[in-house]
Amino acid sequence: MDQTELKSRIKRALLEELDLRGRTEADIDDGAPLFGEGLGLDSLDALQLAMAIEERFGVSVPEGESSRAIFASVNAIAEHITRTKAG
């Protein structure tokens, strides 16, 4: 799967798992922060997202501070999935 398709699937996961009503894939910028001023996600959203990423993409997501960098943006999640699957 190429990076464009991977990022699209990540955005779909965000929309479906976190119930981001009124938003579309096009509304989510690949490089925009997911937490705080970006999509405004919180720690509960992070847990849901971690489980969804593990389930949908078959990669593990570390707990705690090390997951912060992974969930920085759609780009960062895609990087983590690509790196984990390649290793």
PDB file of N, CA and C in Angstrom:
ATOM      1  N   MET A   1       0.847  -1.173   0.000  1.00  0.00           N
ATOM      2  CA  MET A   1       0.000   0.000   0.000  1.00  0.00           C
ATOM      3  C   MET A   1       0.897   1.242   0.000  1.00  0.00           C
ATOM      4  N   ASP A   2       0.568   2.216  -0.842  1.00  0.00           N
ATOM      5  CA  ASP A   2       1.392   3.414  -0.884  1.00  0.00           C
ATOM      6  C   ASP A   2       1.004   4.385   0.238  1.00  0.00           C
ATOM      7  N   GLN A   3       1.810   5.415   0.412  1.00  0.00           N
ATOM      8  CA  GLN A   3       1.618   6.357   1.522  1.00  0.00           C
ATOM      9  C   GLN A   3       0.283   7.107   1.424  1.00  0.00           C
ATOM     10  N   THR A   4      -0.142   7.434   0.219  1.00  0.00           N
ATOM     11  CA  THR A   4      -1.406   8.153   0.048  1.00  0.00           C
ATOM     12  C   THR A   4      -2.569   7.296   0.531  1.00  0.00           C
ATOM     13  N   GLU A   5      -2.588   6.031   0.141  1.00  0.00           N
ATOM     14  CA  GLU A   5      -3.648   5.112   0.565  1.00  0.00           C
ATOM     15  C   GLU A   5      -3.580   4.881   2.074  1.00  0.00           C
ATOM     16  N   LEU A   6      -2.376   4.718   2.604  1.00  0.00           N
ATOM     17  CA  LEU A   6      -2.205   4.510   4.035  1.00  0.00           C
ATOM     18  C   LEU A   6      -2.762   5.701   4.817  1.00  0.00           C
ATOM     19  N   LYS A   7      -2.429   6.899   4.415  1.00  0.00           N
ATOM     20  CA  LYS A   7      -2.915   8.106   5.109  1.00  0.00           C
ATOM     21  C   LYS A   7      -4.434   8.219   5.004  1.00  0.00           C
ATOM     22  N   SER A   8      -4.981   7.840   3.881  1.00  0.00           N
ATOM     23  CA  SER A   8      -6.435   7.846   3.708  1.00  0.00           C
ATOM     24  C   SER A   8      -7.090   6.862   4.679  1.00  0.00           C
ATOM     25  N   ARG A   9      -6.497   5.681   4.815  1.00  0.00           N
ATOM     26  CA  ARG A   9      -7.039   4.683   5.749  1.00  0.00           C
ATOM     27  C   ARG A   9      -6.921   5.156   7.196  1.00  0.00           C
ATOM     28  N   ILE A  10      -5.842   5.852   7.521  1.00  0.00           N
ATOM     29  CA  ILE A  10      -5.674   6.399   8.871  1.00  0.00           C
ATOM     30  C   ILE A  10      -6.758   7.446   9.140  1.00  0.00           C
ATOM     31  N   LYS A  11      -7.003   8.306   8.169  1.00  0.00           N
ATOM     32  CA  LYS A  11      -8.042   9.332   8.335  1.00  0.00           C
ATOM     33  C   LYS A  11      -9.414   8.695   8.502  1.00  0.00           C
ATOM     34  N   ARG A  12      -9.694   7.648   7.726  1.00  0.00           N
ATOM     35  CA  ARG A  12     -10.976   6.943   7.880  1.00  0.00           C
ATOM     36  C   ARG A  12     -11.092   6.366   9.279  1.00  0.00           C
ATOM     37  N   ALA A  13      -9.993   5.799   9.798  1.00  0.00           N
ATOM     38  CA  ALA A  13     -10.000   5.251  11.156  1.00  0.00           C
ATOM     39  C   ALA A  13     -10.295   6.350  12.169  1.00  0.00           C
ATOM     40  N   LEU A  14      -9.672   7.501  11.999  1.00  0.00           N
ATOM     41  CA  LEU A  14      -9.928   8.634  12.900  1.00  0.00           C
ATOM     42  C   LEU A  14     -11.405   9.012  12.881  1.00  0.00           C
ATOM     43  N   LEU A  15     -11.949   9.161  11.687  1.00  0.00           N
ATOM     44  CA  LEU A  15     -13.348   9.573  11.542  1.00  0.00           C
ATOM     45  C   LEU A  15     -14.312   8.541  12.122  1.00  0.00           C
ATOM     46  N   GLU A  16     -14.056   7.262  11.850  1.00  0.00           N
ATOM     47  CA  GLU A  16     -14.967   6.207  12.292  1.00  0.00           C
ATOM     48  C   GLU A  16     -14.833   5.908  13.784  1.00  0.00           C
ATOM     49  N   GLU A  17     -13.617   5.798  14.260  1.00  0.00           N
ATOM     50  CA  GLU A  17     -13.397   5.400  15.652  1.00  0.00           C
ATOM     51  C   GLU A  17     -13.679   6.523  16.644  1.00  0.00           C
ATOM     52  N   LEU A  18     -13.401   7.755  16.239  1.00  0.00           N
ATOM     53  CA  LEU A  18     -13.534   8.870  17.172  1.00  0.00           C
ATOM     54  C   LEU A  18     -14.787   9.692  16.930  1.00  0.00           C
ATOM     55  N   ASP A  19     -15.612   9.241  15.992  1.00  0.00           N
ATOM     56  CA  ASP A  19     -16.899   9.881  15.733  1.00  0.00           C
ATOM     57  C   ASP A  19     -16.755  11.387  15.545  1.00  0.00           C
ATOM     58  N   LEU A  20     -15.892  11.768  14.620  1.00  0.00           N
ATOM     59  CA  LEU A  20     -15.658  13.185  14.336  1.00  0.00           C
ATOM     60  C   LEU A  20     -16.740  13.689  13.386  1.00  0.00           C
ATOM     61  N   ARG A  21     -17.895  13.943  13.935  1.00  0.00           N
ATOM     62  CA  ARG A  21     -19.057  14.345  13.141  1.00  0.00           C
ATOM     63  C   ARG A  21     -18.809  15.630  12.361  1.00  0.00           C
ATOM     64  N   GLY A  22     -19.333  15.621  11.163  1.00  0.00           N
ATOM     65  CA  GLY A  22     -19.240  16.808  10.331  1.00  0.00           C
ATOM     66  C   GLY A  22     -17.876  16.996   9.673  1.00  0.00           C
ATOM     67  N   ARG A  23     -16.978  16.053   9.859  1.00  0.00           N
ATOM     68  CA  ARG A  23     -15.653  16.160   9.239  1.00  0.00           C
ATOM     69  C   ARG A  23     -15.501  15.094   8.165  1.00  0.00           C
ATOM     70  N   THR A  24     -14.635  15.381   7.217  1.00  0.00           N
ATOM     71  CA  THR A  24     -14.330  14.426   6.159  1.00  0.00           C
ATOM     72  C   THR A  24     -12.820  14.221   6.119  1.00  0.00           C
ATOM     73  N   GLU A  25     -12.386  13.261   5.331  1.00  0.00           N
ATOM     74  CA  GLU A  25     -10.943  13.032   5.179  1.00  0.00           C
ATOM     75  C   GLU A  25     -10.248  14.313   4.725  1.00  0.00           C
ATOM     76  N   ALA A  26     -10.897  15.058   3.837  1.00  0.00           N
ATOM     77  CA  ALA A  26     -10.306  16.289   3.299  1.00  0.00           C
ATOM     78  C   ALA A  26     -10.103  17.346   4.379  1.00  0.00           C
ATOM     79  N   ASP A  27     -10.860  17.271   5.464  1.00  0.00           N
ATOM     80  CA  ASP A  27     -10.742  18.243   6.558  1.00  0.00           C
ATOM     81  C   ASP A  27      -9.511  17.998   7.432  1.00  0.00           C
ATOM     82  N   ILE A  28      -8.910  16.820   7.300  1.00  0.00           N
ATOM     83  CA  ILE A  28      -7.785  16.454   8.157  1.00  0.00           C
ATOM     84  C   ILE A  28      -6.482  16.616   7.378  1.00  0.00           C
ATOM     85  N   ASP A  29      -5.688  17.590   7.769  1.00  0.00           N
ATOM     86  CA  ASP A  29      -4.404  17.840   7.130  1.00  0.00           C
ATOM     87  C   ASP A  29      -3.396  16.798   7.613  1.00  0.00           C
ATOM     88  N   ASP A  30      -2.634  16.225   6.691  1.00  0.00           N
ATOM     89  CA  ASP A  30      -1.673  15.170   7.037  1.00  0.00           C
ATOM     90  C   ASP A  30      -0.676  15.595   8.108  1.00  0.00           C
ATOM     91  N   GLY A  31      -0.271  16.857   8.099  1.00  0.00           N
ATOM     92  CA  GLY A  31       0.747  17.326   9.021  1.00  0.00           C
ATOM     93  C   GLY A  31       0.209  18.056  10.240  1.00  0.00           C
ATOM     94  N   ALA A  32      -1.103  18.254  10.310  1.00  0.00           N
ATOM     95  CA  ALA A  32      -1.698  19.007  11.420  1.00  0.00           C
ATOM     96  C   ALA A  32      -1.685  18.195  12.711  1.00  0.00           C
ATOM     97  N   PRO A  33      -1.512  18.873  13.844  1.00  0.00           N
ATOM     98  CA  PRO A  33      -1.551  18.166  15.125  1.00  0.00           C
ATOM     99  C   PRO A  33      -2.921  17.538  15.357  1.00  0.00           C
ATOM    100  N   LEU A  34      -2.926  16.348  15.933  1.00  0.00           N
ATOM    101  CA  LEU A  34      -4.194  15.676  16.228  1.00  0.00           C
ATOM    102  C   LEU A  34      -4.749  16.113  17.579  1.00  0.00           C
ATOM    103  N   PHE A  35      -3.867  16.533  18.466  1.00  0.00           N
ATOM    104  CA  PHE A  35      -4.275  16.918  19.816  1.00  0.00           C
ATOM    105  C   PHE A  35      -4.160  18.420  19.989  1.00  0.00           C
ATOM    106  N   GLY A  36      -4.853  18.953  20.989  1.00  0.00           N
ATOM    107  CA  GLY A  36      -4.779  20.384  21.257  1.00  0.00           C
ATOM    108  C   GLY A  36      -5.413  21.189  20.148  1.00  0.00           C
ATOM    109  N   GLU A  37      -4.644  22.119  19.580  1.00  0.00           N
ATOM    110  CA  GLU A  37      -5.199  23.051  18.594  1.00  0.00           C
ATOM    111  C   GLU A  37      -5.545  22.407  17.261  1.00  0.00           C
ATOM    112  N   GLY A  38      -5.098  21.193  17.017  1.00  0.00           N
ATOM    113  CA  GLY A  38      -5.410  20.512  15.760  1.00  0.00           C
ATOM    114  C   GLY A  38      -6.843  20.013  15.748  1.00  0.00           C
ATOM    115  N   LEU A  39      -7.015  18.702  15.798  1.00  0.00           N
ATOM    116  CA  LEU A  39      -8.361  18.114  15.828  1.00  0.00           C
ATOM    117  C   LEU A  39      -8.989  18.215  17.210  1.00  0.00           C
ATOM    118  N   GLY A  40      -8.183  18.557  18.201  1.00  0.00           N
ATOM    119  CA  GLY A  40      -8.713  18.706  19.549  1.00  0.00           C
ATOM    120  C   GLY A  40      -8.946  17.388  20.268  1.00  0.00           C
ATOM    121  N   LEU A  41      -8.181  16.366  19.912  1.00  0.00           N
ATOM    122  CA  LEU A  41      -8.341  15.072  20.565  1.00  0.00           C
ATOM    123  C   LEU A  41      -7.805  15.126  21.988  1.00  0.00           C
ATOM    124  N   ASP A  42      -8.277  14.190  22.837  1.00  0.00           N
ATOM    125  CA  ASP A  42      -7.821  14.138  24.224  1.00  0.00           C
ATOM    126  C   ASP A  42      -7.262  12.749  24.545  1.00  0.00           C
ATOM    127  N   SER A  43      -6.937  12.501  25.821  1.00  0.00           N
ATOM    128  CA  SER A  43      -6.288  11.248  26.203  1.00  0.00           C
ATOM    129  C   SER A  43      -7.180  10.029  25.974  1.00  0.00           C
ATOM    130  N   LEU A  44      -8.484  10.167  26.147  1.00  0.00           N
ATOM    131  CA  LEU A  44      -9.387   9.044  25.852  1.00  0.00           C
ATOM    132  C   LEU A  44      -9.378   8.719  24.365  1.00  0.00           C
ATOM    133  N   ASP A  45      -9.341   9.768  23.554  1.00  0.00           N
ATOM    134  CA  ASP A  45      -9.253   9.571  22.108  1.00  0.00           C
ATOM    135  C   ASP A  45      -7.960   8.837  21.752  1.00  0.00           C
ATOM    136  N   ALA A  46      -6.878   9.148  22.455  1.00  0.00           N
ATOM    137  CA  ALA A  46      -5.589   8.503  22.189  1.00  0.00           C
ATOM    138  C   ALA A  46      -5.680   7.006  22.434  1.00  0.00           C
ATOM    139  N   LEU A  47      -6.353   6.610  23.503  1.00  0.00           N
ATOM    140  CA  LEU A  47      -6.519   5.177  23.790  1.00  0.00           C
ATOM    141  C   LEU A  47      -7.324   4.493  22.695  1.00  0.00           C
ATOM    142  N   GLN A  48      -8.430   5.104  22.319  1.00  0.00           N
ATOM    143  CA  GLN A  48      -9.264   4.543  21.256  1.00  0.00           C
ATOM    144  C   GLN A  48      -8.485   4.438  19.956  1.00  0.00           C
ATOM    145  N   LEU A  49      -7.740   5.492  19.655  1.00  0.00           N
ATOM    146  CA  LEU A  49      -6.975   5.521  18.418  1.00  0.00           C
ATOM    147  C   LEU A  49      -5.880   4.453  18.422  1.00  0.00           C
ATOM    148  N   ALA A  50      -5.210   4.289  19.551  1.00  0.00           N
ATOM    149  CA  ALA A  50      -4.163   3.264  19.661  1.00  0.00           C
ATOM    150  C   ALA A  50      -4.741   1.879  19.393  1.00  0.00           C
ATOM    151  N   MET A  51      -5.889   1.582  19.988  1.00  0.00           N
ATOM    152  CA  MET A  51      -6.521   0.271  19.769  1.00  0.00           C
ATOM    153  C   MET A  51      -6.925   0.106  18.315  1.00  0.00           C
ATOM    154  N   ALA A  52      -7.460   1.157  17.706  1.00  0.00           N
ATOM    155  CA  ALA A  52      -7.884   1.084  16.308  1.00  0.00           C
ATOM    156  C   ALA A  52      -6.694   0.860  15.381  1.00  0.00           C
ATOM    157  N   ILE A  53      -5.584   1.558  15.631  1.00  0.00           N
ATOM    158  CA  ILE A  53      -4.389   1.410  14.794  1.00  0.00           C
ATOM    159  C   ILE A  53      -3.841  -0.011  14.916  1.00  0.00           C
ATOM    160  N   GLU A  54      -3.788  -0.523  16.136  1.00  0.00           N
ATOM    161  CA  GLU A  54      -3.293  -1.887  16.345  1.00  0.00           C
ATOM    162  C   GLU A  54      -4.174  -2.899  15.628  1.00  0.00           C
ATOM    163  N   GLU A  55      -5.481  -2.724  15.744  1.00  0.00           N
ATOM    164  CA  GLU A  55      -6.434  -3.658  15.142  1.00  0.00           C
ATOM    165  C   GLU A  55      -6.455  -3.568  13.623  1.00  0.00           C
ATOM    166  N   ARG A  56      -6.522  -2.368  13.088  1.00  0.00           N
ATOM    167  CA  ARG A  56      -6.668  -2.176  11.644  1.00  0.00           C
ATOM    168  C   ARG A  56      -5.380  -2.405  10.862  1.00  0.00           C
ATOM    169  N   PHE A  57      -4.238  -2.077  11.483  1.00  0.00           N
ATOM    170  CA  PHE A  57      -2.978  -2.129  10.737  1.00  0.00           C
ATOM    171  C   PHE A  57      -2.018  -3.201  11.230  1.00  0.00           C
ATOM    172  N   GLY A  58      -2.368  -3.893  12.314  1.00  0.00           N
ATOM    173  CA  GLY A  58      -1.543  -4.985  12.805  1.00  0.00           C
ATOM    174  C   GLY A  58      -0.182  -4.570  13.339  1.00  0.00           C
ATOM    175  N   VAL A  59      -0.109  -3.378  13.898  1.00  0.00           N
ATOM    176  CA  VAL A  59       1.138  -2.906  14.512  1.00  0.00           C
ATOM    177  C   VAL A  59       0.864  -2.554  15.967  1.00  0.00           C
ATOM    178  N   SER A  60       1.888  -2.663  16.806  1.00  0.00           N
ATOM    179  CA  SER A  60       1.684  -2.294  18.198  1.00  0.00           C
ATOM    180  C   SER A  60       2.032  -0.822  18.400  1.00  0.00           C
ATOM    181  N   VAL A  61       1.350  -0.224  19.359  1.00  0.00           N
ATOM    182  CA  VAL A  61       1.586   1.170  19.705  1.00  0.00           C
ATOM    183  C   VAL A  61       2.031   1.187  21.163  1.00  0.00           C
ATOM    184  N   PRO A  62       3.225   1.716  21.433  1.00  0.00           N
ATOM    185  CA  PRO A  62       3.701   1.749  22.815  1.00  0.00           C
ATOM    186  C   PRO A  62       2.819   2.644  23.685  1.00  0.00           C
ATOM    187  N   GLU A  63       2.800   2.352  24.971  1.00  0.00           N
ATOM    188  CA  GLU A  63       2.007   3.164  25.882  1.00  0.00           C
ATOM    189  C   GLU A  63       2.845   4.301  26.437  1.00  0.00           C
ATOM    190  N   GLY A  64       2.181   5.289  26.985  1.00  0.00           N
ATOM    191  CA  GLY A  64       2.867   6.382  27.662  1.00  0.00           C
ATOM    192  C   GLY A  64       3.430   7.430  26.731  1.00  0.00           C
ATOM    193  N   GLU A  65       4.498   8.062  27.219  1.00  0.00           N
ATOM    194  CA  GLU A  65       5.102   9.195  26.508  1.00  0.00           C
ATOM    195  C   GLU A  65       5.573   8.852  25.096  1.00  0.00           C
ATOM    196  N   SER A  66       6.034   7.626  24.889  1.00  0.00           N
ATOM    197  CA  SER A  66       6.561   7.273  23.568  1.00  0.00           C
ATOM    198  C   SER A  66       5.484   7.258  22.491  1.00  0.00           C
ATOM    199  N   SER A  67       4.221   7.159  22.888  1.00  0.00           N
ATOM    200  CA  SER A  67       3.152   7.189  21.890  1.00  0.00           C
ATOM    201  C   SER A  67       2.822   8.606  21.440  1.00  0.00           C
ATOM    202  N   ARG A  68       3.251   9.602  22.208  1.00  0.00           N
ATOM    203  CA  ARG A  68       2.974  11.001  21.842  1.00  0.00           C
ATOM    204  C   ARG A  68       3.487  11.350  20.454  1.00  0.00           C
ATOM    205  N   ALA A  69       4.712  10.968  20.168  1.00  0.00           N
ATOM    206  CA  ALA A  69       5.310  11.277  18.866  1.00  0.00           C
ATOM    207  C   ALA A  69       4.573  10.557  17.740  1.00  0.00           C
ATOM    208  N   ILE A  70       4.123   9.339  18.009  1.00  0.00           N
ATOM    209  CA  ILE A  70       3.407   8.563  16.995  1.00  0.00           C
ATOM    210  C   ILE A  70       2.089   9.231  16.631  1.00  0.00           C
ATOM    211  N   PHE A  71       1.409   9.792  17.631  1.00  0.00           N
ATOM    212  CA  PHE A  71       0.104  10.408  17.400  1.00  0.00           C
ATOM    213  C   PHE A  71       0.169  11.909  17.150  1.00  0.00           C
ATOM    214  N   ALA A  72       1.342  12.410  16.779  1.00  0.00           N
ATOM    215  CA  ALA A  72       1.495  13.844  16.530  1.00  0.00           C
ATOM    216  C   ALA A  72       0.653  14.299  15.338  1.00  0.00           C
ATOM    217  N   SER A  73       0.560  13.455  14.308  1.00  0.00           N
ATOM    218  CA  SER A  73      -0.162  13.815  13.085  1.00  0.00           C
ATOM    219  C   SER A  73      -0.445  12.542  12.288  1.00  0.00           C
ATOM    220  N   VAL A  74      -1.216  12.691  11.232  1.00  0.00           N
ATOM    221  CA  VAL A  74      -1.464  11.564  10.325  1.00  0.00           C
ATOM    222  C   VAL A  74      -0.135  11.101   9.727  1.00  0.00           C
ATOM    223  N   ASN A  75       0.726  12.054   9.366  1.00  0.00           N
ATOM    224  CA  ASN A  75       2.051  11.705   8.818  1.00  0.00           C
ATOM    225  C   ASN A  75       2.840  10.843   9.793  1.00  0.00           C
ATOM    226  N   ALA A  76       2.817  11.205  11.077  1.00  0.00           N
ATOM    227  CA  ALA A  76       3.575  10.470  12.089  1.00  0.00           C
ATOM    228  C   ALA A  76       3.026   9.057  12.280  1.00  0.00           C
ATOM    229  N   ILE A  77       1.710   8.913  12.250  1.00  0.00           N
ATOM    230  CA  ILE A  77       1.105   7.580  12.372  1.00  0.00           C
ATOM    231  C   ILE A  77       1.506   6.721  11.170  1.00  0.00           C
ATOM    232  N   ALA A  78       1.442   7.305   9.979  1.00  0.00           N
ATOM    233  CA  ALA A  78       1.816   6.579   8.757  1.00  0.00           C
ATOM    234  C   ALA A  78       3.276   6.140   8.816  1.00  0.00           C
ATOM    235  N   GLU A  79       4.137   7.025   9.314  1.00  0.00           N
ATOM    236  CA  GLU A  79       5.553   6.691   9.465  1.00  0.00           C
ATOM    237  C   GLU A  79       5.750   5.510  10.405  1.00  0.00           C
ATOM    238  N   HIS A  80       5.050   5.540  11.538  1.00  0.00           N
ATOM    239  CA  HIS A  80       5.157   4.462  12.520  1.00  0.00           C
ATOM    240  C   HIS A  80       4.707   3.125  11.912  1.00  0.00           C
ATOM    241  N   ILE A  81       3.584   3.141  11.209  1.00  0.00           N
ATOM    242  CA  ILE A  81       3.071   1.908  10.600  1.00  0.00           C
ATOM    243  C   ILE A  81       4.058   1.385   9.562  1.00  0.00           C
ATOM    244  N   THR A  82       4.557   2.260   8.710  1.00  0.00           N
ATOM    245  CA  THR A  82       5.499   1.863   7.660  1.00  0.00           C
ATOM    246  C   THR A  82       6.783   1.308   8.262  1.00  0.00           C
ATOM    247  N   ARG A  83       7.321   2.004   9.266  1.00  0.00           N
ATOM    248  CA  ARG A  83       8.569   1.596   9.923  1.00  0.00           C
ATOM    249  C   ARG A  83       8.388   0.250  10.642  1.00  0.00           C
ATOM    250  N   THR A  84       7.260   0.082  11.335  1.00  0.00           N
ATOM    251  CA  THR A  84       7.007  -1.143  12.090  1.00  0.00           C
ATOM    252  C   THR A  84       6.830  -2.346  11.160  1.00  0.00           C
ATOM    253  N   LYS A  85       6.105  -2.139  10.082  1.00  0.00           N
ATOM    254  CA  LYS A  85       5.875  -3.242   9.138  1.00  0.00           C
ATOM    255  C   LYS A  85       7.135  -3.610   8.372  1.00  0.00           C
ATOM    256  N   ALA A  86       8.014  -2.632   8.151  1.00  0.00           N
ATOM    257  CA  ALA A  86       9.259  -2.885   7.418  1.00  0.00           C
ATOM    258  C   ALA A  86      10.253  -3.640   8.305  1.00  0.00           C
ATOM    259  N   GLY A  87      10.169  -3.407   9.631  1.00  0.00           N
ATOM    260  CA  GLY A  87      11.129  -4.010  10.549  1.00  0.00           C
ATOM    261  C   GLY A  87      10.738  -5.381  10.884  1.00  0.00           C
TER     262      GLY A  87
END
